[in-house]
């Protein structure tokens, strides 16, 4: 028999992922469990230093630089 989750605290969270993230961030901030400035720094790091752009640059260079491609494949 399926369990009814309507009485569960998570049932009040929005279904849209972006809204859920914002709701969770707000709750955690209000409870003092996260520092919004630290969270902004982590997000910036992943978006700008670790994110997919770096991988795209590596692939683009491998396409245009055969020596780099060989070194990449060897390592």
PDB file of N, CA and C in Angstrom:
ATOM      1  N   UNK A   1       0.841  -1.167   0.000  1.00  0.00           N
ATOM      2  CA  UNK A   1       0.000   0.000   0.000  1.00  0.00           C
ATOM      3  C   UNK A   1       0.898   1.246   0.000  1.00  0.00           C
ATOM      4  N   UNK A   2       0.703   2.194  -0.933  1.00  0.00           N
ATOM      5  CA  UNK A   2       1.527   3.392  -0.998  1.00  0.00           C
ATOM      6  C   UNK A   2       1.349   4.262   0.248  1.00  0.00           C
ATOM      7  N   UNK A   3       2.419   4.931   0.619  1.00  0.00           N
ATOM      8  CA  UNK A   3       2.393   5.813   1.781  1.00  0.00           C
ATOM      9  C   UNK A   3       2.023   7.222   1.337  1.00  0.00           C
ATOM     10  N   UNK A   4       1.147   7.848   2.056  1.00  0.00           N
ATOM     11  CA  UNK A   4       0.747   9.222   1.763  1.00  0.00           C
ATOM     12  C   UNK A   4       1.771  10.173   2.375  1.00  0.00           C
ATOM     13  N   UNK A   5       2.466  10.933   1.531  1.00  0.00           N
ATOM     14  CA  UNK A   5       3.512  11.842   1.991  1.00  0.00           C
ATOM     15  C   UNK A   5       3.001  13.260   2.233  1.00  0.00           C
ATOM     16  N   UNK A   6       1.710  13.502   2.140  1.00  0.00           N
ATOM     17  CA  UNK A   6       1.197  14.859   2.246  1.00  0.00           C
ATOM     18  C   UNK A   6       1.392  15.463   3.634  1.00  0.00           C
ATOM     19  N   UNK A   7       1.555  14.615   4.657  1.00  0.00           N
ATOM     20  CA  UNK A   7       1.760  15.137   6.007  1.00  0.00           C
ATOM     21  C   UNK A   7       3.242  15.285   6.351  1.00  0.00           C
ATOM     22  N   UNK A   8       4.113  14.942   5.435  1.00  0.00           N
ATOM     23  CA  UNK A   8       5.557  15.004   5.651  1.00  0.00           C
ATOM     24  C   UNK A   8       6.037  16.441   5.466  1.00  0.00           C
ATOM     25  N   UNK A   9       7.007  16.901   6.299  1.00  0.00           N
ATOM     26  CA  UNK A   9       7.482  18.292   6.169  1.00  0.00           C
ATOM     27  C   UNK A   9       7.986  18.657   4.776  1.00  0.00           C
ATOM     28  N   UNK A  10       8.542  17.696   4.043  1.00  0.00           N
ATOM     29  CA  UNK A  10       9.040  17.993   2.701  1.00  0.00           C
ATOM     30  C   UNK A  10       7.921  18.294   1.715  1.00  0.00           C
ATOM     31  N   UNK A  11       6.701  17.934   2.069  1.00  0.00           N
ATOM     32  CA  UNK A  11       5.575  18.170   1.165  1.00  0.00           C
ATOM     33  C   UNK A  11       5.314  19.658   0.973  1.00  0.00           C
ATOM     34  N   UNK A  12       5.822  20.517   1.860  1.00  0.00           N
ATOM     35  CA  UNK A  12       5.573  21.947   1.733  1.00  0.00           C
ATOM     36  C   UNK A  12       6.590  22.629   0.821  1.00  0.00           C
ATOM     37  N   UNK A  13       7.638  21.931   0.412  1.00  0.00           N
ATOM     38  CA  UNK A  13       8.633  22.511  -0.489  1.00  0.00           C
ATOM     39  C   UNK A  13       8.075  22.602  -1.899  1.00  0.00           C
ATOM     40  N   UNK A  14       8.437  23.639  -2.645  1.00  0.00           N
ATOM     41  CA  UNK A  14       7.968  23.772  -4.029  1.00  0.00           C
ATOM     42  C   UNK A  14       8.514  22.645  -4.906  1.00  0.00           C
ATOM     43  N   UNK A  15       7.835  22.347  -5.991  1.00  0.00           N
ATOM     44  CA  UNK A  15       8.271  21.263  -6.874  1.00  0.00           C
ATOM     45  C   UNK A  15       9.369  21.704  -7.841  1.00  0.00           C
ATOM     46  N   UNK A  16       9.457  23.002  -8.165  1.00  0.00           N
ATOM     47  CA  UNK A  16      10.484  23.515  -9.064  1.00  0.00           C
ATOM     48  C   UNK A  16      11.847  23.447  -8.365  1.00  0.00           C
ATOM     49  N   UNK A  17      12.860  22.807  -8.988  1.00  0.00           N
ATOM     50  CA  UNK A  17      14.162  22.661  -8.326  1.00  0.00           C
ATOM     51  C   UNK A  17      14.792  23.979  -7.868  1.00  0.00           C
ATOM     52  N   UNK A  18      14.714  25.024  -8.668  1.00  0.00           N
ATOM     53  CA  UNK A  18      15.304  26.304  -8.270  1.00  0.00           C
ATOM     54  C   UNK A  18      14.609  26.863  -7.030  1.00  0.00           C
ATOM     55  N   UNK A  19      13.310  26.736  -6.976  1.00  0.00           N
ATOM     56  CA  UNK A  19      12.566  27.217  -5.810  1.00  0.00           C
ATOM     57  C   UNK A  19      12.873  26.366  -4.582  1.00  0.00           C
ATOM     58  N   UNK A  20      13.049  25.058  -4.791  1.00  0.00           N
ATOM     59  CA  UNK A  20      13.396  24.174  -3.673  1.00  0.00           C
ATOM     60  C   UNK A  20      14.762  24.544  -3.101  1.00  0.00           C
ATOM     61  N   UNK A  21      15.721  24.808  -3.976  1.00  0.00           N
ATOM     62  CA  UNK A  21      17.056  25.197  -3.522  1.00  0.00           C
ATOM     63  C   UNK A  21      16.971  26.488  -2.720  1.00  0.00           C
ATOM     64  N   UNK A  22      16.236  27.467  -3.230  1.00  0.00           N
ATOM     65  CA  UNK A  22      16.101  28.750  -2.520  1.00  0.00           C
ATOM     66  C   UNK A  22      15.410  28.551  -1.176  1.00  0.00           C
ATOM     67  N   UNK A  23      14.377  27.714  -1.139  1.00  0.00           N
ATOM     68  CA  UNK A  23      13.666  27.449   0.117  1.00  0.00           C
ATOM     69  C   UNK A  23      14.595  26.792   1.135  1.00  0.00           C
ATOM     70  N   UNK A  24      15.365  25.810   0.683  1.00  0.00           N
ATOM     71  CA  UNK A  24      16.302  25.139   1.590  1.00  0.00           C
ATOM     72  C   UNK A  24      17.394  26.095   2.059  1.00  0.00           C
ATOM     73  N   UNK A  25      17.899  26.922   1.160  1.00  0.00           N
ATOM     74  CA  UNK A  25      18.918  27.912   1.531  1.00  0.00           C
ATOM     75  C   UNK A  25      18.372  28.865   2.591  1.00  0.00           C
ATOM     76  N   UNK A  26      17.147  29.305   2.406  1.00  0.00           N
ATOM     77  CA  UNK A  26      16.522  30.219   3.359  1.00  0.00           C
ATOM     78  C   UNK A  26      16.366  29.564   4.731  1.00  0.00           C
ATOM     79  N   UNK A  27      15.885  28.338   4.745  1.00  0.00           N
ATOM     80  CA  UNK A  27      15.705  27.618   6.013  1.00  0.00           C
ATOM     81  C   UNK A  27      17.038  27.422   6.720  1.00  0.00           C
ATOM     82  N   UNK A  28      18.047  26.969   5.982  1.00  0.00           N
ATOM     83  CA  UNK A  28      19.359  26.720   6.589  1.00  0.00           C
ATOM     84  C   UNK A  28      20.009  28.014   7.081  1.00  0.00           C
ATOM     85  N   UNK A  29      19.801  29.108   6.359  1.00  0.00           N
ATOM     86  CA  UNK A  29      20.342  30.400   6.780  1.00  0.00           C
ATOM     87  C   UNK A  29      19.649  30.874   8.058  1.00  0.00           C
ATOM     88  N   UNK A  30      18.338  30.780   8.082  1.00  0.00           N
ATOM     89  CA  UNK A  30      17.585  31.226   9.269  1.00  0.00           C
ATOM     90  C   UNK A  30      17.951  30.418  10.513  1.00  0.00           C
ATOM     91  N   UNK A  31      18.283  29.149  10.329  1.00  0.00           N
ATOM     92  CA  UNK A  31      18.670  28.306  11.458  1.00  0.00           C
ATOM     93  C   UNK A  31      20.142  28.490  11.831  1.00  0.00           C
ATOM     94  N   UNK A  32      20.848  29.307  11.064  1.00  0.00           N
ATOM     95  CA  UNK A  32      22.255  29.556  11.348  1.00  0.00           C
ATOM     96  C   UNK A  32      23.179  28.415  10.959  1.00  0.00           C
ATOM     97  N   UNK A  33      22.707  27.546  10.074  1.00  0.00           N
ATOM     98  CA  UNK A  33      23.497  26.385   9.678  1.00  0.00           C
ATOM     99  C   UNK A  33      24.435  26.669   8.514  1.00  0.00           C
ATOM    100  N   UNK A  34      24.144  27.712   7.747  1.00  0.00           N
ATOM    101  CA  UNK A  34      25.032  28.106   6.646  1.00  0.00           C
ATOM    102  C   UNK A  34      25.190  29.617   6.654  1.00  0.00           C
ATOM    103  N   UNK A  35      26.314  30.054   6.148  1.00  0.00           N
ATOM    104  CA  UNK A  35      26.590  31.481   5.988  1.00  0.00           C
ATOM    105  C   UNK A  35      26.350  31.812   4.508  1.00  0.00           C
ATOM    106  N   UNK A  36      25.415  32.706   4.201  1.00  0.00           N
ATOM    107  CA  UNK A  36      25.118  33.021   2.801  1.00  0.00           C
ATOM    108  C   UNK A  36      26.350  33.477   2.018  1.00  0.00           C
ATOM    109  N   UNK A  37      27.243  34.224   2.645  1.00  0.00           N
ATOM    110  CA  UNK A  37      28.452  34.689   1.947  1.00  0.00           C
ATOM    111  C   UNK A  37      29.355  33.507   1.595  1.00  0.00           C
ATOM    112  N   UNK A  38      29.481  32.551   2.506  1.00  0.00           N
ATOM    113  CA  UNK A  38      30.292  31.361   2.230  1.00  0.00           C
ATOM    114  C   UNK A  38      29.655  30.536   1.119  1.00  0.00           C
ATOM    115  N   UNK A  39      28.349  30.424   1.141  1.00  0.00           N
ATOM    116  CA  UNK A  39      27.641  29.684   0.093  1.00  0.00           C
ATOM    117  C   UNK A  39      27.823  30.363  -1.261  1.00  0.00           C
ATOM    118  N   UNK A  40      27.753  31.690  -1.303  1.00  0.00           N
ATOM    119  CA  UNK A  40      27.987  32.423  -2.549  1.00  0.00           C
ATOM    120  C   UNK A  40      29.394  32.160  -3.080  1.00  0.00           C
ATOM    121  N   UNK A  41      30.376  32.102  -2.181  1.00  0.00           N
ATOM    122  CA  UNK A  41      31.756  31.833  -2.582  1.00  0.00           C
ATOM    123  C   UNK A  41      31.906  30.425  -3.162  1.00  0.00           C
ATOM    124  N   UNK A  42      31.251  29.455  -2.536  1.00  0.00           N
ATOM    125  CA  UNK A  42      31.302  28.075  -3.037  1.00  0.00           C
ATOM    126  C   UNK A  42      30.670  27.997  -4.420  1.00  0.00           C
ATOM    127  N   UNK A  43      29.521  28.629  -4.582  1.00  0.00           N
ATOM    128  CA  UNK A  43      28.835  28.619  -5.882  1.00  0.00           C
ATOM    129  C   UNK A  43      29.699  29.290  -6.942  1.00  0.00           C
ATOM    130  N   UNK A  44      30.303  30.435  -6.608  1.00  0.00           N
ATOM    131  CA  UNK A  44      31.182  31.125  -7.548  1.00  0.00           C
ATOM    132  C   UNK A  44      32.358  30.247  -7.953  1.00  0.00           C
ATOM    133  N   UNK A  45      32.938  29.553  -6.984  1.00  0.00           N
ATOM    134  CA  UNK A  45      34.064  28.665  -7.275  1.00  0.00           C
ATOM    135  C   UNK A  45      33.660  27.582  -8.269  1.00  0.00           C
ATOM    136  N   UNK A  46      32.531  26.929  -8.023  1.00  0.00           N
ATOM    137  CA  UNK A  46      32.100  25.868  -8.934  1.00  0.00           C
ATOM    138  C   UNK A  46      31.694  26.404 -10.298  1.00  0.00           C
ATOM    139  N   UNK A  47      31.088  27.585 -10.341  1.00  0.00           N
ATOM    140  CA  UNK A  47      30.661  28.139 -11.625  1.00  0.00           C
ATOM    141  C   UNK A  47      31.829  28.647 -12.456  1.00  0.00           C
ATOM    142  N   UNK A  48      32.829  29.233 -11.804  1.00  0.00           N
ATOM    143  CA  UNK A  48      33.868  29.933 -12.548  1.00  0.00           C
ATOM    144  C   UNK A  48      35.239  29.281 -12.532  1.00  0.00           C
ATOM    145  N   UNK A  49      35.509  28.397 -11.584  1.00  0.00           N
ATOM    146  CA  UNK A  49      36.833  27.798 -11.507  1.00  0.00           C
ATOM    147  C   UNK A  49      36.826  26.297 -11.756  1.00  0.00           C
ATOM    148  N   UNK A  50      35.718  25.640 -11.437  1.00  0.00           N
ATOM    149  CA  UNK A  50      35.651  24.189 -11.570  1.00  0.00           C
ATOM    150  C   UNK A  50      34.653  23.774 -12.646  1.00  0.00           C
ATOM    151  N   UNK A  51      33.752  24.637 -12.990  1.00  0.00           N
ATOM    152  CA  UNK A  51      32.619  24.336 -13.852  1.00  0.00           C
ATOM    153  C   UNK A  51      32.959  23.801 -15.231  1.00  0.00           C
ATOM    154  N   UNK A  52      31.948  23.593 -16.041  1.00  0.00           N
ATOM    155  CA  UNK A  52      32.103  22.969 -17.358  1.00  0.00           C
ATOM    156  C   UNK A  52      32.912  23.785 -18.347  1.00  0.00           C
ATOM    157  N   UNK A  53      33.098  25.089 -18.098  1.00  0.00           N
ATOM    158  CA  UNK A  53      33.882  25.904 -19.030  1.00  0.00           C
ATOM    159  C   UNK A  53      35.309  25.376 -19.142  1.00  0.00           C
ATOM    160  N   UNK A  54      35.858  24.930 -18.020  1.00  0.00           N
ATOM    161  CA  UNK A  54      37.228  24.420 -18.045  1.00  0.00           C
ATOM    162  C   UNK A  54      37.333  23.178 -18.935  1.00  0.00           C
ATOM    163  N   UNK A  55      36.379  22.301 -18.821  1.00  0.00           N
ATOM    164  CA  UNK A  55      36.365  21.109 -19.667  1.00  0.00           C
ATOM    165  C   UNK A  55      36.217  21.476 -21.131  1.00  0.00           C
ATOM    166  N   UNK A  56      35.381  22.462 -21.414  1.00  0.00           N
ATOM    167  CA  UNK A  56      35.190  22.905 -22.795  1.00  0.00           C
ATOM    168  C   UNK A  56      36.483  23.484 -23.361  1.00  0.00           C
ATOM    169  N   UNK A  57      37.225  24.221 -22.539  1.00  0.00           N
ATOM    170  CA  UNK A  57      38.511  24.773 -22.995  1.00  0.00           C
ATOM    171  C   UNK A  57      39.511  23.659 -23.313  1.00  0.00           C
ATOM    172  N   UNK A  58      39.534  22.632 -22.477  1.00  0.00           N
ATOM    173  CA  UNK A  58      40.450  21.506 -22.699  1.00  0.00           C
ATOM    174  C   UNK A  58      40.097  20.807 -24.011  1.00  0.00           C
ATOM    175  N   UNK A  59      38.824  20.552 -24.236  1.00  0.00           N
ATOM    176  CA  UNK A  59      38.395  19.883 -25.464  1.00  0.00           C
ATOM    177  C   UNK A  59      38.722  20.742 -26.684  1.00  0.00           C
ATOM    178  N   UNK A  60      38.437  22.038 -26.610  1.00  0.00           N
ATOM    179  CA  UNK A  60      38.721  22.930 -27.743  1.00  0.00           C
ATOM    180  C   UNK A  60      40.219  22.956 -28.045  1.00  0.00           C
ATOM    181  N   UNK A  61      41.036  22.993 -27.007  1.00  0.00           N
ATOM    182  CA  UNK A  61      42.478  23.007 -27.238  1.00  0.00           C
ATOM    183  C   UNK A  61      42.947  21.675 -27.816  1.00  0.00           C
ATOM    184  N   UNK A  62      42.374  20.584 -27.340  1.00  0.00           N
ATOM    185  CA  UNK A  62      42.752  19.267 -27.866  1.00  0.00           C
ATOM    186  C   UNK A  62      42.390  19.155 -29.350  1.00  0.00           C
ATOM    187  N   UNK A  63      41.292  19.763 -29.768  1.00  0.00           N
ATOM    188  CA  UNK A  63      40.910  19.742 -31.184  1.00  0.00           C
ATOM    189  C   UNK A  63      41.892  20.552 -32.034  1.00  0.00           C
ATOM    190  N   UNK A  64      42.388  21.639 -31.471  1.00  0.00           N
ATOM    191  CA  UNK A  64      43.199  22.543 -32.286  1.00  0.00           C
ATOM    192  C   UNK A  64      44.709  22.389 -32.073  1.00  0.00           C
ATOM    193  N   UNK A  65      45.124  21.608 -31.087  1.00  0.00           N
ATOM    194  CA  UNK A  65      46.541  21.467 -30.766  1.00  0.00           C
ATOM    195  C   UNK A  65      46.895  19.982 -30.647  1.00  0.00           C
ATOM    196  N   UNK A  66      47.422  19.383 -31.728  1.00  0.00           N
ATOM    197  CA  UNK A  66      47.707  17.944 -31.726  1.00  0.00           C
ATOM    198  C   UNK A  66      48.703  17.510 -30.639  1.00  0.00           C
ATOM    199  N   UNK A  67      49.672  18.359 -30.316  1.00  0.00           N
ATOM    200  CA  UNK A  67      50.641  18.020 -29.269  1.00  0.00           C
ATOM    201  C   UNK A  67      49.934  17.966 -27.906  1.00  0.00           C
ATOM    202  N   UNK A  68      49.079  18.946 -27.665  1.00  0.00           N
ATOM    203  CA  UNK A  68      48.310  18.959 -26.412  1.00  0.00           C
ATOM    204  C   UNK A  68      47.389  17.736 -26.335  1.00  0.00           C
ATOM    205  N   UNK A  69      46.744  17.390 -27.452  1.00  0.00           N
ATOM    206  CA  UNK A  69      45.859  16.231 -27.487  1.00  0.00           C
ATOM    207  C   UNK A  69      46.631  14.963 -27.159  1.00  0.00           C
ATOM    208  N   UNK A  70      47.804  14.804 -27.741  1.00  0.00           N
ATOM    209  CA  UNK A  70      48.623  13.618 -27.470  1.00  0.00           C
ATOM    210  C   UNK A  70      49.016  13.550 -25.998  1.00  0.00           C
ATOM    211  N   UNK A  71      49.408  14.688 -25.442  1.00  0.00           N
ATOM    212  CA  UNK A  71      49.784  14.711 -24.030  1.00  0.00           C
ATOM    213  C   UNK A  71      48.585  14.407 -23.137  1.00  0.00           C
ATOM    214  N   UNK A  72      47.432  14.922 -23.517  1.00  0.00           N
ATOM    215  CA  UNK A  72      46.202  14.680 -22.749  1.00  0.00           C
ATOM    216  C   UNK A  72      45.833  13.197 -22.777  1.00  0.00           C
ATOM    217  N   UNK A  73      45.918  12.603 -23.937  1.00  0.00           N
ATOM    218  CA  UNK A  73      45.574  11.176 -24.058  1.00  0.00           C
ATOM    219  C   UNK A  73      46.594  10.279 -23.368  1.00  0.00           C
ATOM    220  N   UNK A  74      47.847  10.714 -23.323  1.00  0.00           N
ATOM    221  CA  UNK A  74      48.900   9.906 -22.679  1.00  0.00           C
ATOM    222  C   UNK A  74      48.800   9.964 -21.153  1.00  0.00           C
ATOM    223  N   UNK A  75      48.223  11.030 -20.627  1.00  0.00           N
ATOM    224  CA  UNK A  75      48.163  11.197 -19.173  1.00  0.00           C
ATOM    225  C   UNK A  75      46.762  10.924 -18.705  1.00  0.00           C
TER     226      UNK A  75
END
